[in-house]
Amino acid sequence: MIFGKIDYINLLPFHLFLKRSSLNNALKKSCEYKKSFPSKINREFKYRRVDGAFISSIESNRKSIKTLPLGIVAKKHVTSVLVKKNSKSTQDPHSATSNVLARVLNIDGEVHIGDSALKLYLENPNNYTDLAKVWHENYKLPFVFARLSVNRHFYTYKKISDSFKNNHTKIPQYILKKYAYERNIPPKEILKYLSLISYEIGPKERRGLKLFLKKSNLLGKKQKHTNV
C-alpha cells in the first residue's frame, strides 16, 4: 500500500495517528516516500501511483473515485487559504480547490495556501482575505478542502478512517517544536490553527461540499460559454 502524503500542518494529527497505528512499516514508509503538495498528490492519485490520499474536493468529484467520509474541513475561518488584497489575480500552483473557491466567491488577487499562507497571515492578517471565512459568512456551512480518496485497498482505508475519527491524537511537544522550527511558526499558533480544522465529513459538511461543487460546475459552464 502506498499513501500520498500532503506535508502540511493541517494533516499533522492524521499522520501522527498513522505512525502510532498497527499498520505495517511498509505503509508507514510509503507516506514519507510519496510526500508532496496537494496538486502533485492529485496527479499521483489520478495516475494511480498511490493507493490512497487526501485529494482536493474538485478532483475527488470524479465518478470513478471512491471516497471516505474523512477530509480537511474548515469549520468557519482557516487562516491558511488566502487571497492577498489589492494584488494581481494569480493562482497558487500547489492548489486546485482553493483557486476555484476564490473564483466562486468572486475574490480577485494572489491565492496562497498551506503553511506558507498561515505564516503570511500571522505576519499581517489585514493584508489577506480568508476564503473559508467568506464562504461561511455567505452560506453558513463548513468548507471541505479535500477528501480521503482510494484507488486500492478500500476496506483497509475505511478501517483507518473509522479509527481516526474515534481517536483524539495528541501532539507531543517535541513534534510540535520540530514543526514550529521547520515552518517558523510558534507552537501556540500551530495549535490554534489546528483547532480551526475538523476531519469528519458529516451531513453539514456534505451540504457545504455539494453546494461548492454545484457552484464550481456552474462556473465552469459559464467559462466554457464565454470561450465559445
C-alpha atoms as a PDB file:
ATOM      1  CA  MET A   1       0.000   0.000   0.000  1.00  0.00           C
ATOM      2  CA  ILE A   2       1.251   3.460  -0.927  1.00  0.00           C
ATOM      3  CA  PHE A   3      -0.237   6.541   0.705  1.00  0.00           C
ATOM      4  CA  GLY A   4       0.195  10.027  -0.782  1.00  0.00           C
ATOM      5  CA  LYS A   5       1.126  12.440   1.989  1.00  0.00           C
ATOM      6  CA  ILE A   6       0.432  16.180   1.900  1.00  0.00           C
ATOM      7  CA  ASP A   7       3.093  17.546   4.222  1.00  0.00           C
ATOM      8  CA  TYR A   8       1.091  20.413   5.704  1.00  0.00           C
ATOM      9  CA  ILE A   9       0.350  21.185   9.342  1.00  0.00           C
ATOM     10  CA  ASN A  10      -3.381  20.647   8.789  1.00  0.00           C
ATOM     11  CA  LEU A  11      -2.811  16.888   8.403  1.00  0.00           C
ATOM     12  CA  LEU A  12      -0.317  16.543  11.246  1.00  0.00           C
ATOM     13  CA  PRO A  13      -2.836  14.784  13.572  1.00  0.00           C
ATOM     14  CA  PHE A  14      -3.650  12.211  10.866  1.00  0.00           C
ATOM     15  CA  HIS A  15      -0.003  11.491  10.069  1.00  0.00           C
ATOM     16  CA  LEU A  16       0.776  11.044  13.748  1.00  0.00           C
ATOM     17  CA  PHE A  17      -2.160   8.661  14.007  1.00  0.00           C
ATOM     18  CA  LEU A  18      -0.779   6.585  11.128  1.00  0.00           C
ATOM     19  CA  LYS A  19       2.657   6.385  12.731  1.00  0.00           C
ATOM     20  CA  ARG A  20       1.189   5.155  16.017  1.00  0.00           C
ATOM     21  CA  SER A  21      -1.185   2.684  14.398  1.00  0.00           C
ATOM     22  CA  SER A  22      -0.714  -1.040  13.911  1.00  0.00           C
ATOM     23  CA  LEU A  23      -0.209  -0.603  10.176  1.00  0.00           C
ATOM     24  CA  ASN A  24       2.761  -2.347   8.675  1.00  0.00           C
ATOM     25  CA  ASN A  25       6.056  -0.473   8.322  1.00  0.00           C
ATOM     26  CA  ALA A  26       5.936  -0.546   4.522  1.00  0.00           C
ATOM     27  CA  LEU A  27       2.801   1.643   4.503  1.00  0.00           C
ATOM     28  CA  LYS A  28       4.275   4.000   7.074  1.00  0.00           C
ATOM     29  CA  LYS A  29       7.455   4.385   4.999  1.00  0.00           C
ATOM     30  CA  SER A  30       5.418   4.978   1.832  1.00  0.00           C
ATOM     31  CA  CYS A  31       3.874   8.054   3.464  1.00  0.00           C
ATOM     32  CA  GLU A  32       7.307   9.663   3.524  1.00  0.00           C
ATOM     33  CA  TYR A  33       8.245   8.414   0.064  1.00  0.00           C
ATOM     34  CA  LYS A  34       5.142   9.847  -1.625  1.00  0.00           C
ATOM     35  CA  LYS A  35       5.215  13.213   0.116  1.00  0.00           C
ATOM     36  CA  SER A  36       4.382  16.427  -1.734  1.00  0.00           C
ATOM     37  CA  PHE A  37       1.998  19.374  -2.101  1.00  0.00           C
ATOM     38  CA  PRO A  38      -1.734  18.979  -2.916  1.00  0.00           C
ATOM     39  CA  SER A  39      -1.718  19.418  -6.702  1.00  0.00           C
ATOM     40  CA  LYS A  40       1.168  16.923  -7.068  1.00  0.00           C
ATOM     41  CA  ILE A  41      -0.623  14.378  -4.875  1.00  0.00           C
ATOM     42  CA  ASN A  42      -3.736  14.891  -7.048  1.00  0.00           C
ATOM     43  CA  ARG A  43      -1.675  13.845 -10.090  1.00  0.00           C
ATOM     44  CA  GLU A  44      -0.100  10.897  -8.277  1.00  0.00           C
ATOM     45  CA  PHE A  45      -3.575   9.703  -7.339  1.00  0.00           C
ATOM     46  CA  LYS A  46      -5.017  10.263 -10.815  1.00  0.00           C
ATOM     47  CA  TYR A  47      -2.332   8.112 -12.419  1.00  0.00           C
ATOM     48  CA  ARG A  48      -2.757   5.504  -9.676  1.00  0.00           C
ATOM     49  CA  ARG A  49       0.776   5.867  -8.353  1.00  0.00           C
ATOM     50  CA  VAL A  50      -0.685   5.972  -4.838  1.00  0.00           C
ATOM     51  CA  ASP A  51      -3.400   3.789  -3.367  1.00  0.00           C
ATOM     52  CA  GLY A  52      -4.962   6.434  -1.156  1.00  0.00           C
ATOM     53  CA  ALA A  53      -4.604  10.147  -0.413  1.00  0.00           C
ATOM     54  CA  PHE A  54      -6.370  13.299   0.665  1.00  0.00           C
ATOM     55  CA  ILE A  55      -7.077  14.839  -2.706  1.00  0.00           C
ATOM     56  CA  SER A  56      -8.717  18.168  -3.455  1.00  0.00           C
ATOM     57  CA  SER A  57     -12.510  18.326  -3.372  1.00  0.00           C
ATOM     58  CA  ILE A  58     -12.606  19.347  -7.027  1.00  0.00           C
ATOM     59  CA  GLU A  59     -10.550  16.336  -8.125  1.00  0.00           C
ATOM     60  CA  SER A  60     -12.342  13.912  -5.794  1.00  0.00           C
ATOM     61  CA  ASN A  61     -15.646  14.591  -7.526  1.00  0.00           C
ATOM     62  CA  ARG A  62     -14.934  12.325 -10.500  1.00  0.00           C
ATOM     63  CA  LYS A  63     -17.411   9.418 -10.667  1.00  0.00           C
ATOM     64  CA  SER A  64     -14.698   6.760 -10.788  1.00  0.00           C
ATOM     65  CA  ILE A  65     -13.207   7.820  -7.436  1.00  0.00           C
ATOM     66  CA  LYS A  66     -14.144   6.109  -4.193  1.00  0.00           C
ATOM     67  CA  THR A  67     -14.146   8.467  -1.217  1.00  0.00           C
ATOM     68  CA  LEU A  68     -14.475   8.104   2.540  1.00  0.00           C
ATOM     69  CA  PRO A  69     -16.173  10.499   4.983  1.00  0.00           C
ATOM     70  CA  LEU A  70     -12.867  11.970   6.097  1.00  0.00           C
ATOM     71  CA  GLY A  71     -11.310  15.176   4.831  1.00  0.00           C
ATOM     72  CA  ILE A  72      -9.744  18.525   5.565  1.00  0.00           C
ATOM     73  CA  VAL A  73     -12.558  20.777   6.751  1.00  0.00           C
ATOM     74  CA  ALA A  74     -12.609  24.429   7.771  1.00  0.00           C
ATOM     75  CA  LYS A  75     -15.302  24.858  10.412  1.00  0.00           C
ATOM     76  CA  LYS A  76     -15.522  28.620   9.811  1.00  0.00           C
ATOM     77  CA  HIS A  77     -12.285  30.508   9.118  1.00  0.00           C
ATOM     78  CA  VAL A  78      -8.999  28.709   8.453  1.00  0.00           C
ATOM     79  CA  THR A  79      -6.143  31.305   8.082  1.00  0.00           C
ATOM     80  CA  SER A  80      -4.228  29.152   5.587  1.00  0.00           C
ATOM     81  CA  VAL A  81      -6.254  29.616   2.386  1.00  0.00           C
ATOM     82  CA  LEU A  82      -5.931  33.254   1.480  1.00  0.00           C
ATOM     83  CA  VAL A  83      -6.179  35.879  -1.204  1.00  0.00           C
ATOM     84  CA  LYS A  84      -3.862  38.851  -0.921  1.00  0.00           C
ATOM     85  CA  LYS A  85      -5.804  42.111  -1.015  1.00  0.00           C
ATOM     86  CA  ASN A  86      -5.103  44.690  -3.755  1.00  0.00           C
ATOM     87  CA  SER A  87      -2.958  42.276  -5.757  1.00  0.00           C
ATOM     88  CA  LYS A  88      -2.955  40.901  -9.275  1.00  0.00           C
ATOM     89  CA  SER A  89      -5.013  37.713  -9.672  1.00  0.00           C
ATOM     90  CA  THR A  90      -2.747  34.651  -9.716  1.00  0.00           C
ATOM     91  CA  GLN A  91      -3.417  31.040  -8.811  1.00  0.00           C
ATOM     92  CA  ASP A  92      -1.424  29.029  -6.303  1.00  0.00           C
ATOM     93  CA  PRO A  93       0.258  26.248  -8.350  1.00  0.00           C
ATOM     94  CA  HIS A  94       0.085  23.908  -5.350  1.00  0.00           C
ATOM     95  CA  SER A  95      -3.691  24.129  -5.129  1.00  0.00           C
ATOM     96  CA  ALA A  96      -6.768  23.096  -7.078  1.00  0.00           C
ATOM     97  CA  THR A  97      -9.826  23.618  -4.890  1.00  0.00           C
ATOM     98  CA  SER A  98      -8.663  26.929  -3.373  1.00  0.00           C
ATOM     99  CA  ASN A  99      -8.134  28.539  -6.780  1.00  0.00           C
ATOM    100  CA  VAL A 100     -11.690  27.603  -7.773  1.00  0.00           C
ATOM    101  CA  LEU A 101     -13.062  28.754  -4.417  1.00  0.00           C
ATOM    102  CA  ALA A 102     -11.616  32.231  -4.984  1.00  0.00           C
ATOM    103  CA  ARG A 103     -13.427  32.379  -8.321  1.00  0.00           C
ATOM    104  CA  VAL A 104     -16.691  31.045  -6.856  1.00  0.00           C
ATOM    105  CA  LEU A 105     -16.544  33.785  -4.215  1.00  0.00           C
ATOM    106  CA  ASN A 106     -15.561  36.345  -6.865  1.00  0.00           C
ATOM    107  CA  ILE A 107     -12.450  37.386  -4.921  1.00  0.00           C
ATOM    108  CA  ASP A 108      -9.532  38.556  -7.064  1.00  0.00           C
ATOM    109  CA  GLY A 109      -5.882  38.537  -6.038  1.00  0.00           C
ATOM    110  CA  GLU A 110      -2.925  36.257  -5.328  1.00  0.00           C
ATOM    111  CA  VAL A 111      -4.048  32.901  -3.917  1.00  0.00           C
ATOM    112  CA  HIS A 112      -1.886  31.416  -1.141  1.00  0.00           C
ATOM    113  CA  ILE A 113      -2.395  28.085   0.617  1.00  0.00           C
ATOM    114  CA  GLY A 114      -0.781  25.877   3.210  1.00  0.00           C
ATOM    115  CA  ASP A 115       1.835  26.511   5.860  1.00  0.00           C
ATOM    116  CA  SER A 116       3.412  29.405   3.984  1.00  0.00           C
ATOM    117  CA  ALA A 117      -0.015  31.082   3.776  1.00  0.00           C
ATOM    118  CA  LEU A 118      -0.519  30.606   7.509  1.00  0.00           C
ATOM    119  CA  LYS A 119       2.827  32.303   8.143  1.00  0.00           C
ATOM    120  CA  LEU A 120       1.833  35.221   5.897  1.00  0.00           C
ATOM    121  CA  TYR A 121      -1.464  35.587   7.745  1.00  0.00           C
ATOM    122  CA  LEU A 122       0.207  35.605  11.148  1.00  0.00           C
ATOM    123  CA  GLU A 123       2.626  38.308   9.994  1.00  0.00           C
ATOM    124  CA  ASN A 124      -0.130  40.612   8.729  1.00  0.00           C
ATOM    125  CA  PRO A 125      -3.732  39.323   8.758  1.00  0.00           C
ATOM    126  CA  ASN A 126      -5.104  42.633   7.429  1.00  0.00           C
ATOM    127  CA  ASN A 127      -3.361  42.042   4.099  1.00  0.00           C
ATOM    128  CA  TYR A 128      -5.331  38.894   3.327  1.00  0.00           C
ATOM    129  CA  THR A 129      -8.872  37.622   2.829  1.00  0.00           C
ATOM    130  CA  ASP A 130      -9.607  34.251   4.440  1.00  0.00           C
ATOM    131  CA  LEU A 131     -11.591  32.316   1.810  1.00  0.00           C
ATOM    132  CA  ALA A 132     -13.115  29.828   4.260  1.00  0.00           C
ATOM    133  CA  LYS A 133     -14.322  32.708   6.416  1.00  0.00           C
ATOM    134  CA  VAL A 134     -16.040  34.388   3.448  1.00  0.00           C
ATOM    135  CA  TRP A 135     -17.580  31.056   2.432  1.00  0.00           C
ATOM    136  CA  HIS A 136     -19.018  30.552   5.929  1.00  0.00           C
ATOM    137  CA  GLU A 137     -20.285  34.135   6.124  1.00  0.00           C
ATOM    138  CA  ASN A 138     -22.097  33.659   2.818  1.00  0.00           C
ATOM    139  CA  TYR A 139     -23.516  30.158   3.260  1.00  0.00           C
ATOM    140  CA  LYS A 140     -23.238  29.285   6.991  1.00  0.00           C
ATOM    141  CA  LEU A 141     -21.641  25.965   6.084  1.00  0.00           C
ATOM    142  CA  PRO A 142     -18.183  24.465   6.679  1.00  0.00           C
ATOM    143  CA  PHE A 143     -15.866  24.143   3.713  1.00  0.00           C
ATOM    144  CA  VAL A 144     -14.354  20.803   2.654  1.00  0.00           C
ATOM    145  CA  PHE A 145     -10.975  21.344   1.003  1.00  0.00           C
ATOM    146  CA  ALA A 146     -10.044  17.693   0.472  1.00  0.00           C
ATOM    147  CA  ARG A 147     -11.412  14.163   0.846  1.00  0.00           C
ATOM    148  CA  LEU A 148      -9.717  10.878   1.646  1.00  0.00           C
ATOM    149  CA  SER A 149      -9.911   9.060  -1.668  1.00  0.00           C
ATOM    150  CA  VAL A 150      -8.968   5.497  -2.545  1.00  0.00           C
ATOM    151  CA  ASN A 151      -7.667   3.695  -5.633  1.00  0.00           C
ATOM    152  CA  ARG A 152      -6.957   0.340  -3.986  1.00  0.00           C
ATOM    153  CA  HIS A 153      -7.365  -1.376  -0.593  1.00  0.00           C
ATOM    154  CA  PHE A 154     -10.643   0.428   0.104  1.00  0.00           C
ATOM    155  CA  TYR A 155     -11.575  -1.557   3.224  1.00  0.00           C
ATOM    156  CA  THR A 156      -8.159  -1.021   4.782  1.00  0.00           C
ATOM    157  CA  TYR A 157      -8.508   2.725   4.295  1.00  0.00           C
ATOM    158  CA  LYS A 158     -12.056   2.587   5.634  1.00  0.00           C
ATOM    159  CA  LYS A 159     -10.729   0.952   8.793  1.00  0.00           C
ATOM    160  CA  ILE A 160      -8.069   3.678   9.072  1.00  0.00           C
ATOM    161  CA  SER A 161     -10.706   6.385   8.545  1.00  0.00           C
ATOM    162  CA  ASP A 162     -13.078   4.944  11.150  1.00  0.00           C
ATOM    163  CA  SER A 163     -10.283   4.517  13.699  1.00  0.00           C
ATOM    164  CA  PHE A 164      -9.000   8.056  13.211  1.00  0.00           C
ATOM    165  CA  LYS A 165     -12.458   9.558  13.716  1.00  0.00           C
ATOM    166  CA  ASN A 166     -12.751   7.721  17.035  1.00  0.00           C
ATOM    167  CA  ASN A 167      -9.353   8.797  18.348  1.00  0.00           C
ATOM    168  CA  HIS A 168      -8.077  12.075  19.717  1.00  0.00           C
ATOM    169  CA  THR A 169      -4.492  12.464  18.564  1.00  0.00           C
ATOM    170  CA  LYS A 170      -2.366  14.441  20.989  1.00  0.00           C
ATOM    171  CA  ILE A 171       0.701  16.111  19.505  1.00  0.00           C
ATOM    172  CA  PRO A 172       3.859  15.582  21.577  1.00  0.00           C
ATOM    173  CA  GLN A 173       5.834  18.692  22.449  1.00  0.00           C
ATOM    174  CA  TYR A 174       8.947  17.522  20.583  1.00  0.00           C
ATOM    175  CA  ILE A 175       6.999  17.143  17.331  1.00  0.00           C
ATOM    176  CA  LEU A 176       5.247  20.449  17.867  1.00  0.00           C
ATOM    177  CA  LYS A 177       8.619  22.150  18.359  1.00  0.00           C
ATOM    178  CA  LYS A 178      10.018  20.400  15.279  1.00  0.00           C
ATOM    179  CA  TYR A 179       7.199  21.687  13.074  1.00  0.00           C
ATOM    180  CA  ALA A 180       7.438  25.130  14.651  1.00  0.00           C
ATOM    181  CA  TYR A 181      11.151  25.269  13.817  1.00  0.00           C
ATOM    182  CA  GLU A 182      10.756  23.961  10.265  1.00  0.00           C
ATOM    183  CA  ARG A 183       7.797  26.232   9.412  1.00  0.00           C
ATOM    184  CA  ASN A 184       8.923  29.195  11.511  1.00  0.00           C
ATOM    185  CA  ILE A 185       5.517  29.296  13.191  1.00  0.00           C
ATOM    186  CA  PRO A 186       5.186  29.411  17.012  1.00  0.00           C
ATOM    187  CA  PRO A 187       3.858  26.215  18.661  1.00  0.00           C
ATOM    188  CA  LYS A 188       0.873  28.025  20.188  1.00  0.00           C
ATOM    189  CA  GLU A 189      -0.126  29.281  16.712  1.00  0.00           C
ATOM    190  CA  ILE A 190       0.089  25.754  15.313  1.00  0.00           C
ATOM    191  CA  LEU A 191      -2.282  24.501  17.999  1.00  0.00           C
ATOM    192  CA  LYS A 192      -4.607  27.458  17.484  1.00  0.00           C
ATOM    193  CA  TYR A 193      -4.638  26.773  13.767  1.00  0.00           C
ATOM    194  CA  LEU A 194      -5.406  23.062  14.239  1.00  0.00           C
ATOM    195  CA  SER A 195      -8.396  23.992  16.416  1.00  0.00           C
ATOM    196  CA  LEU A 196      -9.970  25.582  13.327  1.00  0.00           C
ATOM    197  CA  ILE A 197      -9.883  22.314  11.392  1.00  0.00           C
ATOM    198  CA  SER A 198     -12.014  19.188  11.607  1.00  0.00           C
ATOM    199  CA  TYR A 199     -11.791  15.931   9.675  1.00  0.00           C
ATOM    200  CA  GLU A 200     -15.090  14.073   9.767  1.00  0.00           C
ATOM    201  CA  ILE A 201     -17.414  14.742   6.847  1.00  0.00           C
ATOM    202  CA  GLY A 202     -20.929  14.565   8.237  1.00  0.00           C
ATOM    203  CA  PRO A 203     -24.282  15.872   6.922  1.00  0.00           C
ATOM    204  CA  LYS A 204     -23.421  19.581   7.273  1.00  0.00           C
ATOM    205  CA  GLU A 205     -20.039  19.130   5.611  1.00  0.00           C
ATOM    206  CA  ARG A 206     -21.635  17.172   2.775  1.00  0.00           C
ATOM    207  CA  ARG A 207     -24.105  20.025   2.206  1.00  0.00           C
ATOM    208  CA  GLY A 208     -21.248  22.502   2.033  1.00  0.00           C
ATOM    209  CA  LEU A 209     -19.314  20.274  -0.358  1.00  0.00           C
ATOM    210  CA  LYS A 210     -22.338  19.690  -2.578  1.00  0.00           C
ATOM    211  CA  LEU A 211     -23.012  23.428  -2.781  1.00  0.00           C
ATOM    212  CA  PHE A 212     -19.402  24.204  -3.664  1.00  0.00           C
ATOM    213  CA  LEU A 213     -19.256  21.537  -6.372  1.00  0.00           C
ATOM    214  CA  LYS A 214     -22.533  22.821  -7.832  1.00  0.00           C
ATOM    215  CA  LYS A 215     -21.224  26.391  -7.922  1.00  0.00           C
ATOM    216  CA  SER A 216     -17.870  25.340  -9.378  1.00  0.00           C
ATOM    217  CA  ASN A 217     -19.685  23.357 -12.082  1.00  0.00           C
ATOM    218  CA  LEU A 218     -21.805  26.382 -12.981  1.00  0.00           C
ATOM    219  CA  LEU A 219     -18.650  28.485 -13.053  1.00  0.00           C
ATOM    220  CA  GLY A 220     -17.043  26.029 -15.463  1.00  0.00           C
ATOM    221  CA  LYS A 221     -20.068  26.071 -17.758  1.00  0.00           C
ATOM    222  CA  LYS A 222     -20.108  29.858 -17.719  1.00  0.00           C
ATOM    223  CA  GLN A 223     -16.394  29.954 -18.586  1.00  0.00           C
ATOM    224  CA  LYS A 224     -16.904  27.445 -21.401  1.00  0.00           C
ATOM    225  CA  HIS A 225     -19.796  29.505 -22.794  1.00  0.00           C
ATOM    226  CA  THR A 226     -17.675  32.683 -22.638  1.00  0.00           C
ATOM    227  CA  ASN A 227     -14.871  30.999 -24.597  1.00  0.00           C
ATOM    228  CA  VAL A 228     -17.186  29.836 -27.394  1.00  0.00           C
END
